[in-house]
Amino acid sequence: MRVGILGGTFNPPHVGHLVCAQEAFVQLELDQVLLAPVREPPHKAIEADPGCAQRVRLCELAVAGDERLSVSRVDADRPGPSWTVDTLRRLHADAPEHDLTFVVGGDMAYSLPTWREPEAVLELAELGVAEREGVRRADISERLSALPGALDRVRFFEMPRIDVSSSYIRRQVAAGHPVRYLVPDGVAEYMRTHDLYGRAGATA
């Protein structure tokens, strides 16, 4: 199987995450895309974190009913920061027969040389890069050319511009504003019934 991995805090997951996962699935010809919520990011704390278990549940609700997408607990079930290279090693150890594609935005792809063990990351998985305004393919390719064999392991796919962020949704919820159509209905209902992010999780 060709398996894509989309990591993040998903605090909460929103339509931008799902569109990215869908476009990676279609354009990169994947068999499945996994949303992999991190327990602890390596570089900064998670703002207004309702807890890893809640974020995993939100992801499960976000992908419910879509057999193309699933949720992996590869990072959620282990303590400490989630480094990409360690995540990929665990996934590879669990299912060595799978071909992995790590899905990232252009800005993250551009920063790959600064990641922990970037060469090992590219050995363990291809890099599926969502092309968006702001970071050009040529700039990313030039940046990664210093890593041996990197350009053979990078695949680009088009991603429509969706100016929605988890922080924006949290602000909307805290202000009591509706978030319908910004997140799947199941996510909106869960935030409301569990009073996530303030103001009773906003309204549908």
N, C-alpha and C. Protein backbone atom coordinates (compact mmCIF):
# COMPACT_ATOMS: atom_id res chain seq x y z
N MET A 1 0.83 -1.21 0.00
CA MET A 1 0.00 0.00 0.00
C MET A 1 0.86 1.25 0.00
N ARG A 2 0.35 2.26 -0.68
CA ARG A 2 0.98 3.58 -0.63
C ARG A 2 0.21 4.41 0.39
N VAL A 3 0.88 4.72 1.50
CA VAL A 3 0.22 5.36 2.64
C VAL A 3 0.78 6.76 2.85
N GLY A 4 -0.11 7.74 2.89
CA GLY A 4 0.28 9.11 3.20
C GLY A 4 0.10 9.39 4.68
N ILE A 5 0.97 10.23 5.23
CA ILE A 5 0.88 10.62 6.64
C ILE A 5 0.81 12.14 6.71
N LEU A 6 -0.25 12.63 7.32
CA LEU A 6 -0.40 14.07 7.54
C LEU A 6 -0.37 14.30 9.04
N GLY A 7 0.74 14.83 9.54
CA GLY A 7 0.89 15.05 10.97
C GLY A 7 0.50 16.45 11.37
N GLY A 8 0.31 16.66 12.66
CA GLY A 8 -0.03 17.99 13.15
C GLY A 8 -0.67 17.89 14.53
N THR A 9 -0.98 19.05 15.08
CA THR A 9 -1.67 19.06 16.36
C THR A 9 -3.17 18.85 16.18
N PHE A 10 -3.72 19.29 15.05
CA PHE A 10 -5.16 19.16 14.76
C PHE A 10 -5.97 19.68 15.94
N ASN A 11 -5.82 20.97 16.20
CA ASN A 11 -6.36 21.59 17.41
C ASN A 11 -7.26 22.79 17.10
N PRO A 12 -8.41 22.55 16.42
CA PRO A 12 -8.98 21.28 15.99
C PRO A 12 -8.69 21.02 14.50
N PRO A 13 -9.02 19.81 14.00
CA PRO A 13 -8.93 19.55 12.57
C PRO A 13 -10.00 20.35 11.83
N HIS A 14 -9.68 20.80 10.61
CA HIS A 14 -10.62 21.65 9.87
C HIS A 14 -10.61 21.29 8.39
N VAL A 15 -11.39 22.03 7.62
CA VAL A 15 -11.54 21.70 6.20
C VAL A 15 -10.22 21.78 5.45
N GLY A 16 -9.31 22.66 5.85
CA GLY A 16 -8.02 22.76 5.19
C GLY A 16 -7.23 21.47 5.30
N HIS A 17 -7.25 20.85 6.50
CA HIS A 17 -6.57 19.57 6.68
C HIS A 17 -7.17 18.50 5.78
N LEU A 18 -8.49 18.47 5.70
CA LEU A 18 -9.16 17.42 4.95
C LEU A 18 -8.98 17.59 3.46
N VAL A 19 -9.02 18.82 2.99
CA VAL A 19 -8.78 19.05 1.56
C VAL A 19 -7.35 18.66 1.19
N CYS A 20 -6.40 19.00 2.05
CA CYS A 20 -5.01 18.63 1.82
C CYS A 20 -4.88 17.11 1.74
N ALA A 21 -5.51 16.41 2.69
CA ALA A 21 -5.45 14.95 2.69
C ALA A 21 -6.08 14.37 1.43
N GLN A 22 -7.21 14.94 1.03
CA GLN A 22 -7.89 14.45 -0.16
C GLN A 22 -7.06 14.68 -1.42
N GLU A 23 -6.50 15.87 -1.58
CA GLU A 23 -5.72 16.17 -2.77
C GLU A 23 -4.45 15.32 -2.82
N ALA A 24 -3.83 15.07 -1.67
CA ALA A 24 -2.68 14.18 -1.65
C ALA A 24 -3.08 12.77 -2.07
N PHE A 25 -4.22 12.30 -1.56
CA PHE A 25 -4.71 10.97 -1.89
C PHE A 25 -4.91 10.83 -3.40
N VAL A 26 -5.55 11.81 -4.01
CA VAL A 26 -5.89 11.72 -5.44
C VAL A 26 -4.66 11.94 -6.32
N GLN A 27 -3.95 13.05 -6.08
CA GLN A 27 -2.89 13.44 -7.00
C GLN A 27 -1.63 12.59 -6.84
N LEU A 28 -1.37 12.11 -5.65
CA LEU A 28 -0.18 11.28 -5.42
C LEU A 28 -0.51 9.80 -5.55
N GLU A 29 -1.77 9.50 -5.88
CA GLU A 29 -2.22 8.12 -6.09
C GLU A 29 -1.91 7.24 -4.89
N LEU A 30 -2.38 7.68 -3.73
CA LEU A 30 -2.19 6.94 -2.50
C LEU A 30 -3.36 5.99 -2.27
N ASP A 31 -3.13 4.99 -1.44
CA ASP A 31 -4.19 4.05 -1.08
C ASP A 31 -4.91 4.47 0.20
N GLN A 32 -4.23 5.26 1.02
CA GLN A 32 -4.80 5.72 2.27
C GLN A 32 -4.00 6.91 2.78
N VAL A 33 -4.67 7.82 3.48
CA VAL A 33 -3.98 8.91 4.15
C VAL A 33 -4.32 8.86 5.63
N LEU A 34 -3.28 8.88 6.46
CA LEU A 34 -3.44 8.85 7.91
C LEU A 34 -3.26 10.24 8.49
N LEU A 35 -4.21 10.68 9.30
CA LEU A 35 -4.00 11.85 10.14
C LEU A 35 -3.32 11.38 11.40
N ALA A 36 -2.18 11.98 11.73
CA ALA A 36 -1.39 11.53 12.88
C ALA A 36 -1.22 12.67 13.88
N PRO A 37 -2.16 12.81 14.82
CA PRO A 37 -2.03 13.87 15.82
C PRO A 37 -0.82 13.65 16.72
N VAL A 38 -0.08 14.71 16.97
CA VAL A 38 1.08 14.61 17.85
C VAL A 38 0.66 14.85 19.30
N ARG A 39 1.29 14.14 20.21
CA ARG A 39 1.06 14.40 21.63
C ARG A 39 1.77 15.67 22.05
N GLU A 40 3.01 15.83 21.57
CA GLU A 40 3.83 16.98 21.96
C GLU A 40 4.70 17.40 20.79
N PRO A 41 4.46 18.58 20.22
CA PRO A 41 5.33 19.05 19.13
C PRO A 41 6.75 19.28 19.66
N PRO A 42 7.77 19.14 18.81
CA PRO A 42 9.14 19.27 19.30
C PRO A 42 9.58 20.70 19.59
N HIS A 43 8.90 21.70 19.00
CA HIS A 43 9.45 23.06 19.08
C HIS A 43 8.62 24.06 19.88
N LYS A 44 7.34 23.76 20.12
CA LYS A 44 6.53 24.71 20.88
C LYS A 44 5.36 23.99 21.52
N ALA A 45 4.85 24.59 22.59
CA ALA A 45 3.70 24.01 23.28
C ALA A 45 2.44 24.21 22.45
N ILE A 46 1.46 23.35 22.68
CA ILE A 46 0.19 23.45 21.97
C ILE A 46 -0.70 24.44 22.70
N GLU A 47 -1.12 25.47 22.01
CA GLU A 47 -1.94 26.52 22.60
C GLU A 47 -3.35 26.01 22.84
N ALA A 48 -3.90 26.30 24.04
CA ALA A 48 -5.27 25.94 24.39
C ALA A 48 -5.54 24.46 24.12
N ASP A 49 -4.62 23.61 24.53
CA ASP A 49 -4.71 22.18 24.24
C ASP A 49 -5.78 21.52 25.11
N PRO A 50 -6.80 20.93 24.50
CA PRO A 50 -7.81 20.22 25.29
C PRO A 50 -7.34 18.84 25.73
N GLY A 51 -6.13 18.46 25.28
CA GLY A 51 -5.58 17.14 25.59
C GLY A 51 -5.49 16.29 24.35
N CYS A 52 -4.49 15.43 24.31
CA CYS A 52 -4.25 14.62 23.13
C CYS A 52 -5.45 13.71 22.82
N ALA A 53 -6.05 13.13 23.86
CA ALA A 53 -7.18 12.23 23.64
C ALA A 53 -8.33 12.95 22.95
N GLN A 54 -8.56 14.19 23.32
CA GLN A 54 -9.64 14.97 22.69
C GLN A 54 -9.30 15.27 21.24
N ARG A 55 -8.04 15.61 20.96
CA ARG A 55 -7.66 15.92 19.58
C ARG A 55 -7.71 14.69 18.68
N VAL A 56 -7.34 13.54 19.24
CA VAL A 56 -7.47 12.28 18.48
C VAL A 56 -8.94 12.03 18.16
N ARG A 57 -9.81 12.22 19.14
CA ARG A 57 -11.24 12.00 18.92
C ARG A 57 -11.79 12.95 17.86
N LEU A 58 -11.36 14.20 17.88
CA LEU A 58 -11.79 15.16 16.87
C LEU A 58 -11.36 14.70 15.48
N CYS A 59 -10.15 14.16 15.37
CA CYS A 59 -9.69 13.66 14.08
C CYS A 59 -10.52 12.47 13.62
N GLU A 60 -10.85 11.58 14.55
CA GLU A 60 -11.68 10.42 14.20
C GLU A 60 -13.03 10.87 13.68
N LEU A 61 -13.60 11.88 14.31
CA LEU A 61 -14.89 12.41 13.85
C LEU A 61 -14.74 13.11 12.50
N ALA A 62 -13.60 13.76 12.29
CA ALA A 62 -13.38 14.50 11.04
C ALA A 62 -13.34 13.58 9.83
N VAL A 63 -12.78 12.38 9.99
CA VAL A 63 -12.62 11.47 8.85
C VAL A 63 -13.70 10.39 8.81
N ALA A 64 -14.62 10.41 9.76
CA ALA A 64 -15.66 9.38 9.83
C ALA A 64 -16.43 9.31 8.51
N GLY A 65 -16.60 8.10 8.01
CA GLY A 65 -17.36 7.90 6.79
C GLY A 65 -16.56 8.03 5.51
N ASP A 66 -15.28 8.37 5.61
CA ASP A 66 -14.43 8.48 4.43
C ASP A 66 -13.38 7.39 4.49
N GLU A 67 -13.58 6.35 3.69
CA GLU A 67 -12.68 5.19 3.77
C GLU A 67 -11.28 5.50 3.27
N ARG A 68 -11.09 6.64 2.61
CA ARG A 68 -9.76 7.02 2.14
C ARG A 68 -8.88 7.52 3.27
N LEU A 69 -9.51 8.00 4.33
CA LEU A 69 -8.79 8.65 5.43
C LEU A 69 -8.97 7.87 6.73
N SER A 70 -7.92 7.91 7.56
CA SER A 70 -7.97 7.24 8.85
C SER A 70 -7.11 8.02 9.83
N VAL A 71 -7.10 7.58 11.08
CA VAL A 71 -6.33 8.25 12.14
C VAL A 71 -5.31 7.27 12.69
N SER A 72 -4.07 7.72 12.80
CA SER A 72 -3.01 6.92 13.40
C SER A 72 -2.65 7.47 14.77
N ARG A 73 -2.46 6.57 15.73
CA ARG A 73 -2.06 6.96 17.08
C ARG A 73 -0.56 6.78 17.28
N VAL A 74 0.20 6.74 16.18
CA VAL A 74 1.63 6.46 16.26
C VAL A 74 2.36 7.46 17.15
N ASP A 75 1.92 8.70 17.17
CA ASP A 75 2.54 9.71 18.05
C ASP A 75 1.73 9.94 19.32
N ALA A 76 0.42 9.77 19.21
CA ALA A 76 -0.45 10.07 20.36
C ALA A 76 -0.21 9.15 21.54
N ASP A 77 0.21 7.92 21.27
CA ASP A 77 0.34 6.93 22.34
C ASP A 77 1.75 6.85 22.94
N ARG A 78 2.61 7.80 22.60
CA ARG A 78 3.95 7.76 23.19
C ARG A 78 4.26 9.12 23.81
N PRO A 79 4.98 9.13 24.93
CA PRO A 79 5.33 10.39 25.58
C PRO A 79 6.46 11.10 24.85
N GLY A 80 6.61 12.37 25.14
CA GLY A 80 7.72 13.14 24.59
C GLY A 80 7.40 13.75 23.25
N PRO A 81 8.32 14.58 22.76
CA PRO A 81 8.11 15.27 21.49
C PRO A 81 8.11 14.31 20.30
N SER A 82 7.37 14.69 19.26
CA SER A 82 7.23 13.85 18.07
C SER A 82 8.14 14.38 16.96
N TRP A 83 9.27 13.70 16.76
CA TRP A 83 10.15 14.03 15.66
C TRP A 83 9.74 13.20 14.45
N THR A 84 9.69 13.83 13.28
CA THR A 84 9.22 13.15 12.08
C THR A 84 9.99 11.86 11.80
N VAL A 85 11.29 11.91 11.94
CA VAL A 85 12.09 10.72 11.64
C VAL A 85 11.72 9.56 12.55
N ASP A 86 11.41 9.84 13.82
CA ASP A 86 11.01 8.77 14.75
C ASP A 86 9.63 8.23 14.39
N THR A 87 8.73 9.14 14.01
CA THR A 87 7.38 8.72 13.59
C THR A 87 7.47 7.77 12.41
N LEU A 88 8.27 8.14 11.42
CA LEU A 88 8.40 7.31 10.22
C LEU A 88 9.05 5.97 10.54
N ARG A 89 10.01 5.96 11.44
CA ARG A 89 10.65 4.69 11.82
C ARG A 89 9.65 3.76 12.49
N ARG A 90 8.79 4.30 13.34
CA ARG A 90 7.79 3.45 14.00
C ARG A 90 6.78 2.92 12.99
N LEU A 91 6.34 3.78 12.08
CA LEU A 91 5.39 3.32 11.05
C LEU A 91 6.02 2.25 10.17
N HIS A 92 7.27 2.45 9.82
CA HIS A 92 7.96 1.48 8.97
C HIS A 92 8.14 0.15 9.71
N ALA A 93 8.45 0.22 10.99
CA ALA A 93 8.62 -1.00 11.78
C ALA A 93 7.30 -1.76 11.90
N ASP A 94 6.19 -1.02 12.03
CA ASP A 94 4.88 -1.66 12.18
C ASP A 94 4.40 -2.29 10.87
N ALA A 95 4.73 -1.66 9.74
CA ALA A 95 4.26 -2.17 8.45
C ALA A 95 5.33 -1.91 7.39
N PRO A 96 6.42 -2.70 7.40
CA PRO A 96 7.53 -2.44 6.48
C PRO A 96 7.16 -2.61 5.01
N GLU A 97 6.03 -3.26 4.74
CA GLU A 97 5.62 -3.45 3.35
C GLU A 97 4.97 -2.21 2.75
N HIS A 98 4.64 -1.22 3.55
CA HIS A 98 3.99 -0.01 3.05
C HIS A 98 5.02 0.99 2.52
N ASP A 99 4.66 1.66 1.43
CA ASP A 99 5.45 2.78 0.93
C ASP A 99 4.88 4.06 1.53
N LEU A 100 5.69 4.79 2.27
CA LEU A 100 5.21 5.95 3.01
C LEU A 100 5.45 7.25 2.25
N THR A 101 4.49 8.15 2.36
CA THR A 101 4.62 9.51 1.84
C THR A 101 4.25 10.48 2.95
N PHE A 102 5.19 11.31 3.36
CA PHE A 102 4.94 12.29 4.42
C PHE A 102 4.45 13.57 3.77
N VAL A 103 3.23 13.99 4.09
CA VAL A 103 2.57 15.11 3.43
C VAL A 103 2.82 16.39 4.22
N VAL A 104 3.33 17.41 3.53
CA VAL A 104 3.65 18.69 4.17
C VAL A 104 3.29 19.84 3.24
N GLY A 105 3.21 21.02 3.82
CA GLY A 105 3.06 22.24 3.03
C GLY A 105 4.41 22.69 2.49
N GLY A 106 4.37 23.58 1.53
CA GLY A 106 5.61 24.05 0.92
C GLY A 106 6.57 24.69 1.89
N ASP A 107 6.03 25.42 2.88
CA ASP A 107 6.90 26.08 3.85
C ASP A 107 7.66 25.06 4.70
N MET A 108 6.97 23.98 5.06
CA MET A 108 7.64 22.93 5.84
C MET A 108 8.66 22.18 4.99
N ALA A 109 8.32 21.94 3.72
CA ALA A 109 9.27 21.26 2.83
C ALA A 109 10.54 22.10 2.68
N TYR A 110 10.38 23.40 2.60
CA TYR A 110 11.52 24.30 2.44
C TYR A 110 12.46 24.19 3.64
N SER A 111 11.90 23.91 4.80
CA SER A 111 12.71 23.84 6.02
C SER A 111 13.30 22.46 6.27
N LEU A 112 13.06 21.50 5.37
CA LEU A 112 13.51 20.12 5.60
C LEU A 112 14.98 19.99 5.99
N PRO A 113 15.91 20.75 5.37
CA PRO A 113 17.32 20.58 5.77
C PRO A 113 17.59 20.86 7.24
N THR A 114 16.68 21.57 7.93
CA THR A 114 16.88 21.87 9.34
C THR A 114 16.23 20.84 10.26
N TRP A 115 15.51 19.86 9.69
CA TRP A 115 14.86 18.85 10.50
C TRP A 115 15.88 17.90 11.11
N ARG A 116 15.47 17.15 12.09
CA ARG A 116 16.32 16.11 12.66
C ARG A 116 16.47 14.98 11.63
N GLU A 117 17.71 14.66 11.28
CA GLU A 117 18.05 13.58 10.35
C GLU A 117 17.25 13.67 9.04
N PRO A 118 17.38 14.76 8.30
CA PRO A 118 16.59 14.90 7.08
C PRO A 118 16.87 13.82 6.03
N GLU A 119 18.12 13.36 5.96
CA GLU A 119 18.44 12.29 5.00
C GLU A 119 17.68 11.01 5.35
N ALA A 120 17.58 10.72 6.65
CA ALA A 120 16.85 9.51 7.07
C ALA A 120 15.36 9.65 6.80
N VAL A 121 14.84 10.86 6.96
CA VAL A 121 13.42 11.10 6.63
C VAL A 121 13.14 10.71 5.19
N LEU A 122 14.03 11.14 4.28
CA LEU A 122 13.83 10.88 2.86
C LEU A 122 14.10 9.42 2.50
N GLU A 123 14.86 8.72 3.31
CA GLU A 123 15.05 7.29 3.08
C GLU A 123 13.79 6.51 3.49
N LEU A 124 13.14 6.98 4.52
CA LEU A 124 11.98 6.28 5.06
C LEU A 124 10.69 6.60 4.30
N ALA A 125 10.62 7.78 3.70
CA ALA A 125 9.37 8.19 3.04
C ALA A 125 9.66 9.19 1.92
N GLU A 126 8.78 9.17 0.94
CA GLU A 126 8.77 10.28 -0.01
C GLU A 126 8.16 11.48 0.68
N LEU A 127 8.40 12.66 0.13
CA LEU A 127 7.83 13.88 0.66
C LEU A 127 6.76 14.35 -0.32
N GLY A 128 5.51 14.39 0.14
CA GLY A 128 4.42 14.90 -0.67
C GLY A 128 4.19 16.36 -0.32
N VAL A 129 4.48 17.26 -1.25
CA VAL A 129 4.50 18.69 -0.95
C VAL A 129 3.28 19.38 -1.57
N ALA A 130 2.47 19.99 -0.74
CA ALA A 130 1.31 20.74 -1.20
C ALA A 130 1.77 22.10 -1.73
N GLU A 131 1.52 22.35 -2.99
CA GLU A 131 1.91 23.62 -3.59
C GLU A 131 0.86 24.68 -3.28
N ARG A 132 1.31 25.73 -2.62
CA ARG A 132 0.44 26.85 -2.30
C ARG A 132 1.17 28.14 -2.60
N GLU A 133 0.42 29.21 -2.62
CA GLU A 133 1.04 30.50 -2.89
C GLU A 133 2.04 30.83 -1.78
N GLY A 134 3.12 31.48 -2.16
CA GLY A 134 4.09 31.93 -1.16
C GLY A 134 5.42 31.24 -1.25
N VAL A 135 5.42 29.94 -1.53
CA VAL A 135 6.67 29.19 -1.66
C VAL A 135 6.65 28.47 -3.00
N ARG A 136 7.56 28.83 -3.88
CA ARG A 136 7.56 28.28 -5.23
C ARG A 136 8.24 26.92 -5.27
N ARG A 137 7.79 26.09 -6.22
CA ARG A 137 8.39 24.77 -6.40
C ARG A 137 9.89 24.90 -6.68
N ALA A 138 10.26 25.85 -7.51
CA ALA A 138 11.68 26.01 -7.85
C ALA A 138 12.51 26.34 -6.61
N ASP A 139 11.96 27.16 -5.71
CA ASP A 139 12.69 27.52 -4.49
C ASP A 139 12.87 26.30 -3.59
N ILE A 140 11.81 25.49 -3.49
CA ILE A 140 11.89 24.29 -2.67
C ILE A 140 12.92 23.31 -3.25
N SER A 141 12.86 23.12 -4.56
CA SER A 141 13.79 22.19 -5.21
C SER A 141 15.23 22.64 -5.03
N GLU A 142 15.46 23.94 -5.17
CA GLU A 142 16.82 24.46 -5.00
C GLU A 142 17.29 24.27 -3.56
N ARG A 143 16.39 24.51 -2.62
CA ARG A 143 16.73 24.38 -1.20
C ARG A 143 17.08 22.94 -0.85
N LEU A 144 16.35 21.97 -1.43
CA LEU A 144 16.54 20.57 -1.08
C LEU A 144 17.65 19.90 -1.88
N SER A 145 18.14 20.58 -2.91
CA SER A 145 19.14 19.95 -3.79
C SER A 145 20.43 19.62 -3.06
N ALA A 146 20.65 20.26 -1.91
CA ALA A 146 21.86 19.97 -1.14
C ALA A 146 21.80 18.61 -0.45
N LEU A 147 20.59 18.06 -0.29
CA LEU A 147 20.44 16.75 0.33
C LEU A 147 20.57 15.68 -0.73
N PRO A 148 21.47 14.73 -0.58
CA PRO A 148 21.69 13.70 -1.61
C PRO A 148 20.41 12.95 -1.96
N GLY A 149 20.05 12.94 -3.23
CA GLY A 149 18.90 12.19 -3.70
C GLY A 149 17.55 12.76 -3.34
N ALA A 150 17.54 13.94 -2.73
CA ALA A 150 16.28 14.50 -2.23
C ALA A 150 15.26 14.74 -3.34
N LEU A 151 15.71 15.27 -4.47
CA LEU A 151 14.77 15.64 -5.53
C LEU A 151 14.07 14.43 -6.13
N ASP A 152 14.67 13.25 -5.99
CA ASP A 152 14.01 12.03 -6.46
C ASP A 152 12.96 11.54 -5.48
N ARG A 153 12.94 12.12 -4.29
CA ARG A 153 12.01 11.66 -3.24
C ARG A 153 10.92 12.68 -2.94
N VAL A 154 10.86 13.75 -3.73
CA VAL A 154 9.86 14.80 -3.51
C VAL A 154 8.83 14.77 -4.63
N ARG A 155 7.56 14.78 -4.27
CA ARG A 155 6.47 14.82 -5.23
C ARG A 155 5.55 15.97 -4.86
N PHE A 156 5.23 16.80 -5.83
CA PHE A 156 4.39 17.97 -5.59
C PHE A 156 2.94 17.67 -5.98
N PHE A 157 2.01 18.29 -5.26
CA PHE A 157 0.61 18.23 -5.66
C PHE A 157 -0.03 19.60 -5.40
N GLU A 158 -1.05 19.92 -6.18
CA GLU A 158 -1.68 21.23 -6.08
C GLU A 158 -2.66 21.24 -4.92
N MET A 159 -2.66 22.36 -4.22
CA MET A 159 -3.53 22.53 -3.06
C MET A 159 -4.23 23.88 -3.17
N PRO A 160 -5.56 23.92 -3.22
CA PRO A 160 -6.25 25.21 -3.30
C PRO A 160 -5.98 26.04 -2.04
N ARG A 161 -5.99 27.32 -2.20
CA ARG A 161 -5.75 28.21 -1.07
C ARG A 161 -6.99 28.25 -0.18
N ILE A 162 -6.84 27.80 1.05
CA ILE A 162 -7.92 27.81 2.02
C ILE A 162 -7.41 28.51 3.27
N ASP A 163 -7.84 29.72 3.47
CA ASP A 163 -7.33 30.52 4.59
C ASP A 163 -8.10 30.24 5.87
N VAL A 164 -7.99 29.01 6.32
CA VAL A 164 -8.59 28.60 7.59
C VAL A 164 -7.49 27.99 8.42
N SER A 165 -7.42 28.35 9.68
CA SER A 165 -6.42 27.79 10.58
C SER A 165 -7.11 27.35 11.86
N SER A 166 -6.45 26.44 12.57
CA SER A 166 -6.99 26.00 13.85
C SER A 166 -7.08 27.15 14.84
N SER A 167 -6.10 28.05 14.82
CA SER A 167 -6.14 29.18 15.75
C SER A 167 -7.33 30.09 15.45
N TYR A 168 -7.65 30.28 14.16
CA TYR A 168 -8.82 31.08 13.78
C TYR A 168 -10.10 30.43 14.31
N ILE A 169 -10.20 29.12 14.16
CA ILE A 169 -11.40 28.42 14.64
C ILE A 169 -11.51 28.53 16.14
N ARG A 170 -10.41 28.41 16.85
CA ARG A 170 -10.46 28.54 18.32
C ARG A 170 -10.93 29.93 18.71
N ARG A 171 -10.47 30.95 17.99
CA ARG A 171 -10.93 32.32 18.30
C ARG A 171 -12.42 32.47 18.02
N GLN A 172 -12.88 31.89 16.93
CA GLN A 172 -14.31 31.96 16.62
C GLN A 172 -15.13 31.28 17.72
N VAL A 173 -14.68 30.12 18.14
CA VAL A 173 -15.39 29.39 19.19
C VAL A 173 -15.40 30.19 20.48
N ALA A 174 -14.25 30.74 20.87
CA ALA A 174 -14.15 31.50 22.12
C ALA A 174 -15.06 32.72 22.11
N ALA A 175 -15.28 33.26 20.90
CA ALA A 175 -16.15 34.43 20.77
C ALA A 175 -17.62 34.04 20.64
N GLY A 176 -17.89 32.76 20.61
CA GLY A 176 -19.27 32.30 20.48
C GLY A 176 -19.81 32.36 19.07
N HIS A 177 -18.93 32.45 18.09
CA HIS A 177 -19.35 32.53 16.69
C HIS A 177 -19.48 31.13 16.08
N PRO A 178 -20.33 30.95 15.10
CA PRO A 178 -20.50 29.64 14.48
C PRO A 178 -19.27 29.21 13.69
N VAL A 179 -19.02 27.91 13.69
CA VAL A 179 -17.89 27.36 12.93
C VAL A 179 -18.37 26.32 11.93
N ARG A 180 -19.66 26.28 11.69
CA ARG A 180 -20.19 25.35 10.70
C ARG A 180 -19.57 25.66 9.34
N TYR A 181 -19.29 24.62 8.59
CA TYR A 181 -18.63 24.67 7.27
C TYR A 181 -17.12 24.89 7.36
N LEU A 182 -16.61 25.28 8.54
CA LEU A 182 -15.16 25.39 8.72
C LEU A 182 -14.57 24.08 9.23
N VAL A 183 -15.41 23.33 9.93
CA VAL A 183 -15.02 22.00 10.42
C VAL A 183 -16.16 21.05 10.08
N PRO A 184 -15.90 19.73 9.98
CA PRO A 184 -16.99 18.79 9.76
C PRO A 184 -18.04 18.89 10.87
N ASP A 185 -19.27 18.52 10.54
CA ASP A 185 -20.36 18.65 11.51
C ASP A 185 -20.08 17.87 12.78
N GLY A 186 -19.48 16.68 12.66
CA GLY A 186 -19.19 15.88 13.84
C GLY A 186 -18.21 16.57 14.77
N VAL A 187 -17.24 17.27 14.19
CA VAL A 187 -16.26 18.02 14.98
C VAL A 187 -16.94 19.19 15.69
N ALA A 188 -17.78 19.92 14.96
CA ALA A 188 -18.49 21.06 15.55
C ALA A 188 -19.38 20.61 16.70
N GLU A 189 -20.08 19.50 16.52
CA GLU A 189 -20.97 19.00 17.57
C GLU A 189 -20.18 18.54 18.79
N TYR A 190 -19.05 17.89 18.58
CA TYR A 190 -18.23 17.43 19.70
C TYR A 190 -17.67 18.63 20.48
N MET A 191 -17.21 19.64 19.77
CA MET A 191 -16.69 20.83 20.46
C MET A 191 -17.79 21.48 21.29
N ARG A 192 -19.01 21.48 20.76
CA ARG A 192 -20.12 22.10 21.48
C ARG A 192 -20.49 21.30 22.72
N THR A 193 -20.66 19.99 22.56
CA THR A 193 -21.13 19.18 23.69
C THR A 193 -20.06 19.00 24.77
N HIS A 194 -18.78 19.13 24.40
CA HIS A 194 -17.71 19.00 25.38
C HIS A 194 -17.10 20.34 25.77
N ASP A 195 -17.72 21.41 25.33
CA ASP A 195 -17.31 22.77 25.69
C ASP A 195 -15.81 22.98 25.45
N LEU A 196 -15.32 22.62 24.24
CA LEU A 196 -13.92 22.84 23.92
C LEU A 196 -13.70 24.26 23.43
N TYR A 197 -12.62 24.87 23.88
CA TYR A 197 -12.15 26.19 23.43
C TYR A 197 -13.03 27.35 23.91
N GLY A 198 -13.92 27.11 24.88
CA GLY A 198 -14.66 28.22 25.46
C GLY A 198 -16.01 28.48 24.82
N ARG A 199 -16.81 29.30 25.49
CA ARG A 199 -18.15 29.68 25.01
C ARG A 199 -18.96 28.46 24.56
N ALA A 200 -18.89 27.41 25.38
CA ALA A 200 -19.65 26.18 25.13
C ALA A 200 -19.38 25.60 23.75
N GLY A 201 -18.14 25.72 23.29
CA GLY A 201 -17.79 25.13 22.01
C GLY A 201 -18.44 25.79 20.82
N ALA A 202 -18.96 26.98 20.97
CA ALA A 202 -19.65 27.74 19.92
C ALA A 202 -20.92 27.02 19.48
N THR A 203 -21.52 27.54 18.45
CA THR A 203 -22.78 26.98 17.94
C THR A 203 -22.55 26.33 16.60
N ALA A 204 -23.45 25.48 16.21
CA ALA A 204 -23.35 24.84 14.90
C ALA A 204 -23.61 25.86 13.80
